[in-house]
């Protein structure tokens, strides 16, 4: 038989942390008058490498971390006390470093997002009406090395100015001699007189103004001849917007003659393409209203119903058959109570008549039998007497 195999020994790398912790616990138990590791802080750090334990009376020194600076007269050291705890201190001596102050830009404002210039905060910039921002809208206070600096240069607010608006064919705009337009300054376009019989129409916004980002509020309009054909609607008439010619934005309203209804919109407008929008409607003849009169019965059906009527006769007009109300299921019969009473009386009279008849028959039969009995007795006595007389 093969010898039993031995289990694998744990590696030394796995055993080392356990041995280290056991040794540290033994060391702390042998030094019961010692303090544990000193406290840690967000803004401060130890000036020396921390040890696993410290003797009573031993002192540790702290220094401010990167991005913080010392603010006297707070303590930056702690001492291992006799009760094996550290003398309480805080990281208040170290405060965040701040970026330099930036004033409000001319014609604008600088607003702190968190109310502080310390690193990690933001500074937002806005401009007054009529001015636009040149530069970054937000600056960040950041750490570079051990100093706090802004992420960029502060922006400026510049007056909004627009170049002259575009010129158009067959038209012009006001203030055509001005080279620079300020914020909200406006111009108005108009069309020139047309050389032909039909005038030019202004297509688009007649007035535009200089707005944010130094652009105009709308595109320049267009001047051209717009003329729609005369609208005609058969079986209808025009009730508004009369004219011999129909130019841009001319509006016409229609209605149909009596007996016709409209298909489409009753109001149309001449658009910039010299067409009606929506298209010219149509008037179509109205359909006759559907009859709501109930259908009548045919002659054959009426004849059949009259034939089965209990009141029909051979001659004379045949009455219309009307079934009794009681034949309709669920329909209340006003004579139902009266009929029930009559039926009960009829049944009672029949029963009484039967009983009377039975009684009469019984009495008659009884009398008949009595009479026969008496006659039989008389005959028997006469015969007996004759026999006795013969024997004598």
Protein backbone atom coordinates (compact mmCIF):
# COMPACT_ATOMS: atom_id res chain seq x y z
CA UNK A 1 0.00 0.00 0.00
CA UNK A 2 1.14 3.50 -0.79
CA UNK A 3 1.92 5.65 2.27
CA UNK A 4 -0.74 8.26 3.10
CA UNK A 5 -0.12 11.59 1.38
CA UNK A 6 0.61 14.63 3.49
CA UNK A 7 -1.48 17.74 3.23
CA UNK A 8 0.03 20.82 1.66
CA UNK A 9 1.50 23.27 4.07
CA UNK A 10 0.23 26.83 3.90
CA UNK A 11 2.60 29.16 2.16
CA UNK A 12 4.74 31.45 4.24
CA UNK A 13 3.10 34.53 2.63
CA UNK A 14 -0.28 33.51 4.09
CA UNK A 15 1.12 32.74 7.50
CA UNK A 16 3.09 35.98 7.84
CA UNK A 17 0.14 38.40 8.46
CA UNK A 18 -1.26 36.10 11.12
CA UNK A 19 2.06 35.82 12.88
CA UNK A 20 2.51 39.59 12.66
CA UNK A 21 -0.87 40.25 14.27
CA UNK A 22 -0.21 37.71 17.00
CA UNK A 23 3.17 39.29 17.73
CA UNK A 24 1.60 42.76 17.78
CA UNK A 25 -1.13 41.60 20.21
CA UNK A 26 1.51 40.03 22.46
CA UNK A 27 3.57 43.19 22.35
CA UNK A 28 0.59 45.39 23.24
CA UNK A 29 -0.38 43.08 26.09
CA UNK A 30 3.16 43.29 27.47
CA UNK A 31 3.02 47.12 27.16
CA UNK A 32 -0.33 47.78 28.83
CA UNK A 33 0.70 51.33 29.65
CA UNK A 34 0.92 52.32 25.95
CA UNK A 35 -1.37 54.21 23.51
CA UNK A 36 -2.47 52.94 20.15
CA UNK A 37 -1.91 54.72 16.83
CA UNK A 38 -2.60 58.49 16.95
CA UNK A 39 -5.83 59.90 15.36
CA UNK A 40 -6.05 60.91 11.69
CA UNK A 41 -7.53 64.12 10.27
CA UNK A 42 -8.78 65.49 6.96
CA UNK A 43 -6.60 68.61 6.96
CA UNK A 44 -3.56 67.39 9.00
CA UNK A 45 -1.08 64.55 8.73
CA UNK A 46 1.71 63.21 10.99
CA UNK A 47 5.18 64.61 10.46
CA UNK A 48 6.69 61.18 11.30
CA UNK A 49 5.86 57.60 10.38
CA UNK A 50 3.15 56.20 12.71
CA UNK A 51 4.07 53.39 15.19
CA UNK A 52 1.87 50.54 16.46
CA UNK A 53 2.02 51.83 20.05
CA UNK A 54 3.30 54.85 21.99
CA UNK A 55 4.48 55.15 25.59
CA UNK A 56 2.73 57.39 28.10
CA UNK A 57 3.91 60.97 27.71
CA UNK A 58 5.13 60.44 24.16
CA UNK A 59 4.28 63.30 21.78
CA UNK A 60 3.40 63.35 18.06
CA UNK A 61 3.49 66.35 15.71
CA UNK A 62 1.09 67.18 12.86
CA UNK A 63 1.47 69.36 9.79
CA UNK A 64 -1.13 70.73 7.37
CA UNK A 65 -1.81 68.70 4.25
CA UNK A 66 -1.37 69.95 0.71
CA UNK A 67 -3.84 72.75 -0.06
CA UNK A 68 -4.12 73.80 3.62
CA UNK A 69 -2.13 76.29 5.67
CA UNK A 70 -1.62 76.63 9.43
CA UNK A 71 -3.77 79.08 11.31
CA UNK A 72 -2.46 79.98 14.84
CA UNK A 73 -2.96 79.68 17.79
CA UNK A 74 -4.45 76.16 17.61
CA UNK A 75 -2.31 73.14 18.62
CA UNK A 76 -0.85 70.82 16.03
CA UNK A 77 0.48 68.11 18.42
CA UNK A 78 -0.95 65.46 20.77
CA UNK A 79 0.40 63.52 23.79
CA UNK A 80 -0.24 59.94 24.99
CA UNK A 81 -2.07 60.41 28.29
CA UNK A 82 -1.91 58.18 31.43
CA UNK A 83 -5.34 56.72 30.69
CA UNK A 84 -3.86 55.36 27.45
CA UNK A 85 -5.69 57.90 25.22
CA UNK A 86 -4.41 60.78 23.14
CA UNK A 87 -4.83 64.36 24.16
CA UNK A 88 -7.88 65.58 22.13
CA UNK A 89 -7.13 67.95 19.27
CA UNK A 90 -8.80 68.86 15.93
CA UNK A 91 -7.71 69.86 12.46
CA UNK A 92 -9.06 73.40 12.87
CA UNK A 93 -5.50 74.82 12.78
CA UNK A 94 -5.36 73.92 9.07
CA UNK A 95 -7.65 75.84 6.71
CA UNK A 96 -8.12 75.53 2.98
CA UNK A 97 -6.09 77.77 0.75
CA UNK A 98 -8.10 80.25 -1.31
CA UNK A 99 -7.82 81.67 -4.79
CA UNK A 100 -7.27 85.39 -5.20
CA UNK A 101 -10.30 87.68 -5.27
CA UNK A 102 -11.85 88.47 -8.67
CA UNK A 103 -14.09 91.57 -8.84
CA UNK A 104 -17.27 91.90 -10.89
CA UNK A 105 -16.56 92.45 -14.56
CA UNK A 106 -17.58 95.76 -16.06
CA UNK A 107 -21.28 95.57 -17.04
CA UNK A 108 -21.58 92.16 -15.37
CA UNK A 109 -21.40 90.12 -12.14
CA UNK A 110 -19.17 87.42 -10.59
CA UNK A 111 -21.14 85.03 -8.35
CA UNK A 112 -19.57 82.47 -5.97
CA UNK A 113 -21.34 79.12 -6.27
CA UNK A 114 -20.48 78.06 -2.66
CA UNK A 115 -19.84 81.42 -1.04
CA UNK A 116 -16.09 80.87 -0.67
CA UNK A 117 -12.90 81.38 -2.67
CA UNK A 118 -11.29 78.19 -1.28
CA UNK A 119 -10.10 75.51 -3.67
CA UNK A 120 -12.81 73.20 -5.03
CA UNK A 121 -15.33 76.05 -5.43
CA UNK A 122 -16.65 77.79 -8.55
CA UNK A 123 -17.09 81.38 -9.74
CA UNK A 124 -19.89 82.12 -12.24
CA UNK A 125 -20.02 85.19 -14.53
CA UNK A 126 -23.06 86.87 -16.12
CA UNK A 127 -23.42 90.07 -18.17
CA UNK A 128 -26.04 92.79 -18.02
CA UNK A 129 -28.66 93.24 -20.75
CA UNK A 130 -27.13 94.60 -23.92
CA UNK A 131 -23.77 92.90 -23.27
CA UNK A 132 -22.42 89.47 -24.05
CA UNK A 133 -19.73 87.40 -22.33
CA UNK A 134 -16.31 86.94 -23.90
CA UNK A 135 -14.38 84.15 -22.19
CA UNK A 136 -15.29 81.28 -19.85
CA UNK A 137 -18.60 81.48 -18.04
CA UNK A 138 -17.32 79.40 -15.04
CA UNK A 139 -13.91 79.44 -13.35
CA UNK A 140 -12.74 76.72 -10.89
CA UNK A 141 -10.45 77.25 -7.91
CA UNK A 142 -7.88 74.43 -8.26
CA UNK A 143 -4.67 73.27 -6.61
CA UNK A 144 -1.48 73.56 -8.59
CA UNK A 145 1.38 72.35 -6.50
CA UNK A 146 0.72 73.73 -3.03
CA UNK A 147 -1.13 76.85 -4.22
CA UNK A 148 -4.80 77.50 -5.08
CA UNK A 149 -5.26 79.17 -8.47
CA UNK A 150 -8.16 79.84 -10.87
CA UNK A 151 -8.64 77.58 -13.89
CA UNK A 152 -8.48 80.50 -16.33
CA UNK A 153 -8.58 84.24 -16.86
CA UNK A 154 -11.79 86.09 -15.88
CA UNK A 155 -14.09 86.94 -18.82
CA UNK A 156 -15.28 90.39 -19.89
CA UNK A 157 -18.69 91.78 -20.86
CA UNK A 158 -18.77 93.50 -24.20
CA UNK A 159 -21.55 95.62 -25.64
CA UNK A 160 -23.73 93.81 -28.13
CA UNK A 161 -23.30 95.32 -31.59
CA UNK A 162 -24.68 94.16 -34.91
CA UNK A 163 -23.51 94.76 -38.42
CA UNK A 164 -26.01 96.39 -40.81
CA UNK A 165 -28.83 94.06 -41.86
CA UNK A 166 -28.80 92.66 -45.41
CA UNK A 167 -30.19 94.60 -48.33
CA UNK A 168 -33.02 93.17 -50.44
CA UNK A 169 -34.16 93.35 -54.05
CA UNK A 170 -37.07 95.63 -54.86
CA UNK A 171 -36.99 97.08 -51.36
CA UNK A 172 -35.02 98.87 -48.63
CA UNK A 173 -34.76 99.26 -44.82
CA UNK A 174 -34.56 102.25 -42.49
CA UNK A 175 -31.21 103.58 -41.13
CA UNK A 176 -29.43 102.38 -44.24
CA UNK A 177 -26.57 104.82 -43.53
CA UNK A 178 -25.74 103.37 -40.06
CA UNK A 179 -22.64 101.17 -39.91
CA UNK A 180 -23.06 99.66 -36.40
CA UNK A 181 -26.30 98.82 -34.57
CA UNK A 182 -26.46 98.45 -30.79
CA UNK A 183 -28.44 95.95 -28.76
CA UNK A 184 -32.23 96.03 -29.47
CA UNK A 185 -31.90 98.66 -32.21
CA UNK A 186 -34.36 97.84 -35.02
CA UNK A 187 -34.85 98.49 -38.74
CA UNK A 188 -38.03 98.31 -40.84
CA UNK A 189 -38.20 97.04 -44.43
CA UNK A 190 -40.49 98.28 -47.20
CA UNK A 191 -40.96 97.43 -50.88
CA UNK A 192 -40.36 99.72 -53.85
CA UNK A 193 -43.18 100.61 -56.26
CA UNK A 194 -43.70 97.87 -58.84
CA UNK A 195 -43.21 98.67 -62.54
CA UNK A 196 -46.29 96.66 -63.58
CA UNK A 197 -49.99 96.79 -62.65
CA UNK A 198 -49.55 94.55 -59.59
CA UNK A 199 -47.63 95.83 -56.52
CA UNK A 200 -44.80 94.10 -54.67
CA UNK A 201 -45.73 92.25 -51.47
CA UNK A 202 -43.40 92.08 -48.44
CA UNK A 203 -42.90 88.40 -47.57
CA UNK A 204 -41.56 87.89 -44.05
CA UNK A 205 -41.04 90.08 -40.98
CA UNK A 206 -41.04 93.77 -41.81
CA UNK A 207 -39.17 94.76 -38.58
CA UNK A 208 -36.08 93.02 -37.19
CA UNK A 209 -33.79 94.02 -34.29
CA UNK A 210 -30.24 93.44 -33.01
CA UNK A 211 -30.29 90.76 -30.30
CA UNK A 212 -27.93 88.51 -28.27
CA UNK A 213 -24.73 87.20 -29.84
CA UNK A 214 -24.73 90.15 -32.26
CA UNK A 215 -27.27 88.59 -34.64
CA UNK A 216 -30.54 89.92 -36.05
CA UNK A 217 -33.84 88.61 -34.71
CA UNK A 218 -34.97 87.25 -38.10
CA UNK A 219 -33.98 86.87 -41.72
CA UNK A 220 -34.49 89.77 -44.07
CA UNK A 221 -37.88 89.75 -45.87
CA UNK A 222 -38.48 89.48 -49.62
CA UNK A 223 -40.32 91.76 -52.03
CA UNK A 224 -42.16 90.08 -54.94
CA UNK A 225 -45.50 90.10 -56.77
CA UNK A 226 -48.02 87.68 -55.19
CA UNK A 227 -51.40 87.29 -56.91
CA UNK A 228 -53.94 84.48 -56.46
CA UNK A 229 -56.60 83.54 -59.04
CA UNK A 230 -60.21 84.56 -58.52
CA UNK A 231 -61.84 81.91 -56.28
CA UNK A 232 -65.05 80.35 -57.61
CA UNK A 233 -67.23 77.87 -55.72
CA UNK A 234 -70.11 76.21 -57.56
CA UNK A 235 -73.36 76.04 -55.59
CA UNK A 236 -71.90 78.54 -53.14
CA UNK A 237 -71.11 82.22 -52.71
CA UNK A 238 -68.50 84.52 -51.21
CA UNK A 239 -69.58 86.31 -48.03
CA UNK A 240 -66.37 88.18 -47.05
CA UNK A 241 -63.12 89.37 -48.62
CA UNK A 242 -64.61 90.76 -51.82
CA UNK A 243 -62.23 92.12 -54.44
CA UNK A 244 -61.29 92.07 -58.07
CA UNK A 245 -57.69 91.08 -57.34
CA UNK A 246 -56.31 89.01 -54.51
CA UNK A 247 -52.76 89.71 -53.34
CA UNK A 248 -50.60 88.38 -50.50
CA UNK A 249 -52.56 87.48 -47.31
CA UNK A 250 -55.94 88.29 -48.91
CA UNK A 251 -58.62 86.36 -46.99
CA UNK A 252 -61.93 85.10 -48.46
CA UNK A 253 -64.88 83.39 -46.68
CA UNK A 254 -67.54 81.23 -48.40
CA UNK A 255 -70.88 79.62 -47.65
CA UNK A 256 -72.91 77.08 -49.64
CA UNK A 257 -76.37 77.53 -51.13
CA UNK A 258 -79.38 75.96 -49.45
CA UNK A 259 -79.41 72.20 -49.88
CA UNK A 260 -75.60 71.98 -50.17
CA UNK A 261 -72.86 71.51 -47.59
CA UNK A 262 -69.20 72.56 -47.74
CA UNK A 263 -66.25 70.21 -48.10
CA UNK A 264 -63.00 71.84 -46.97
CA UNK A 265 -62.41 75.11 -45.14
CA UNK A 266 -64.80 78.02 -45.51
CA UNK A 267 -61.85 80.47 -45.05
CA UNK A 268 -58.87 80.60 -47.42
CA UNK A 269 -55.77 82.88 -47.56
CA UNK A 270 -53.54 83.83 -50.48
CA UNK A 271 -50.02 82.64 -49.55
CA UNK A 272 -46.57 83.66 -50.80
CA UNK A 273 -46.67 81.08 -53.63
CA UNK A 274 -49.71 82.75 -55.25
CA UNK A 275 -51.95 79.84 -54.24
CA UNK A 276 -54.89 79.59 -51.84
CA UNK A 277 -54.19 78.00 -48.49
CA UNK A 278 -56.06 75.82 -47.77
CA UNK A 279 -57.42 75.02 -51.25
CA UNK A 280 -60.74 76.44 -52.46
CA UNK A 281 -63.59 74.38 -50.93
CA UNK A 282 -66.47 72.61 -52.72
CA UNK A 283 -70.23 72.64 -52.13
CA UNK A 284 -71.95 69.28 -52.65
CA UNK A 285 -75.64 68.41 -52.53
CA UNK A 286 -76.93 67.24 -49.19
CA UNK A 287 -78.42 63.75 -48.96
CA UNK A 288 -82.13 63.51 -48.01
CA UNK A 289 -82.62 62.82 -44.32
CA UNK A 290 -83.18 59.17 -43.51
CA UNK A 291 -86.85 58.28 -42.73
CA UNK A 292 -87.65 57.51 -39.09
CA UNK A 293 -91.27 56.24 -39.80
CA UNK A 294 -91.66 52.56 -38.82
CA UNK A 295 -92.26 50.17 -41.75
CA UNK A 296 -95.88 49.11 -42.44
CA UNK A 297 -96.94 45.50 -42.67
CA UNK A 298 -97.53 44.03 -46.10
CA UNK A 299 -101.04 43.16 -47.28
CA UNK A 300 -100.45 39.42 -47.04
CA UNK A 301 -99.15 39.68 -43.46
CA UNK A 302 -102.09 41.92 -42.49
CA UNK A 303 -104.52 39.44 -44.07
CA UNK A 304 -102.96 36.55 -42.19
CA UNK A 305 -103.13 38.38 -38.89
CA UNK A 306 -106.73 39.38 -39.54
CA UNK A 307 -107.63 35.77 -40.37
CA UNK A 308 -106.49 34.50 -36.97
CA UNK A 309 -108.22 37.37 -35.15
CA UNK A 310 -110.97 36.09 -32.83
CA UNK A 311 -113.22 39.02 -33.79
CA UNK A 312 -112.99 38.55 -37.59
CA UNK A 313 -116.16 38.05 -39.65
CA UNK A 314 -116.93 36.91 -43.18
CA UNK A 315 -118.21 40.25 -44.37
CA UNK A 316 -117.34 43.81 -43.50
CA UNK A 317 -113.96 45.38 -42.77
CA UNK A 318 -111.51 43.14 -41.04
CA UNK A 319 -110.27 44.52 -37.74
CA UNK A 320 -106.57 44.75 -37.15
CA UNK A 321 -105.36 41.87 -35.00
CA UNK A 322 -104.18 42.99 -31.63
CA UNK A 323 -102.86 40.26 -29.33
CA UNK A 324 -104.01 40.45 -25.72
CA UNK A 325 -101.65 42.32 -23.46
CA UNK A 326 -101.21 39.25 -21.30
CA UNK A 327 -99.48 37.46 -24.19
CA UNK A 328 -96.44 39.72 -24.04
CA UNK A 329 -93.91 38.33 -21.54
CA UNK A 330 -93.10 40.68 -18.75
CA UNK A 331 -95.84 43.16 -19.74
CA UNK A 332 -98.21 44.09 -16.87
CA UNK A 333 -101.90 42.97 -17.44
CA UNK A 334 -104.41 45.33 -15.81
CA UNK A 335 -107.23 42.69 -16.04
CA UNK A 336 -105.17 39.89 -14.57
CA UNK A 337 -106.65 40.25 -11.04
CA UNK A 338 -110.23 40.34 -12.37
CA UNK A 339 -109.66 37.25 -14.48
CA UNK A 340 -108.18 35.36 -11.56
CA UNK A 341 -111.26 36.20 -9.43
CA UNK A 342 -113.64 35.02 -12.19
CA UNK A 343 -111.70 31.77 -12.59
CA UNK A 344 -111.93 31.06 -8.87
CA UNK A 345 -115.74 31.65 -8.85
CA UNK A 346 -116.23 29.42 -11.88
CA UNK A 347 -114.26 26.58 -10.29
CA UNK A 348 -116.25 26.95 -7.07
CA UNK A 349 -119.59 26.82 -8.94
CA UNK A 350 -118.50 23.72 -10.89
CA UNK A 351 -117.49 21.93 -7.68
CA UNK A 352 -120.79 22.85 -6.02
CA UNK A 353 -122.75 21.65 -9.07
CA UNK A 354 -120.91 18.34 -9.04
CA UNK A 355 -121.56 17.86 -5.36
CA UNK A 356 -125.28 18.69 -5.77
CA UNK A 357 -125.53 16.28 -8.71
CA UNK A 358 -123.90 13.48 -6.73
CA UNK A 359 -126.25 14.12 -3.83
CA UNK A 360 -129.34 14.09 -6.06
CA UNK A 361 -128.26 10.86 -7.75
CA UNK A 362 -127.53 9.25 -4.41
CA UNK A 363 -130.95 10.18 -2.99
CA UNK A 364 -132.74 8.94 -6.11
CA UNK A 365 -130.88 5.64 -6.09
CA UNK A 366 -131.61 5.15 -2.40
CA UNK A 367 -135.35 5.68 -2.90
CA UNK A 368 -135.40 3.30 -5.85
CA UNK A 369 -133.77 0.53 -3.85
CA UNK A 370 -136.19 1.00 -0.96
CA UNK A 371 -139.16 0.71 -3.26
CA UNK A 372 -137.88 -2.47 -4.90
CA UNK A 373 -137.30 -3.99 -1.51
CA UNK A 374 -140.86 -3.40 -0.43
CA UNK A 375 -142.26 -4.87 -3.66
CA UNK A 376 -140.15 -8.04 -3.23
CA UNK A 377 -141.41 -8.60 0.32
CA UNK A 378 -145.08 -8.34 -0.75
CA UNK A 379 -144.66 -10.90 -3.52
CA UNK A 380 -143.02 -13.37 -1.16
CA UNK A 381 -145.88 -13.21 1.35
CA UNK A 382 -148.56 -13.81 -1.35
CA UNK A 383 -146.71 -16.88 -2.66
CA UNK A 384 -146.36 -18.34 0.81
CA UNK A 385 -150.06 -17.97 1.41
CA UNK A 386 -150.96 -19.74 -1.84
CA UNK A 387 -148.75 -22.70 -0.99
CA UNK A 388 -150.31 -23.09 2.41
CA UNK A 389 -153.87 -22.95 0.96
CA UNK A 390 -153.09 -25.68 -1.62
CA UNK A 391 -151.76 -28.02 0.98
CA UNK A 392 -154.87 -27.71 2.98
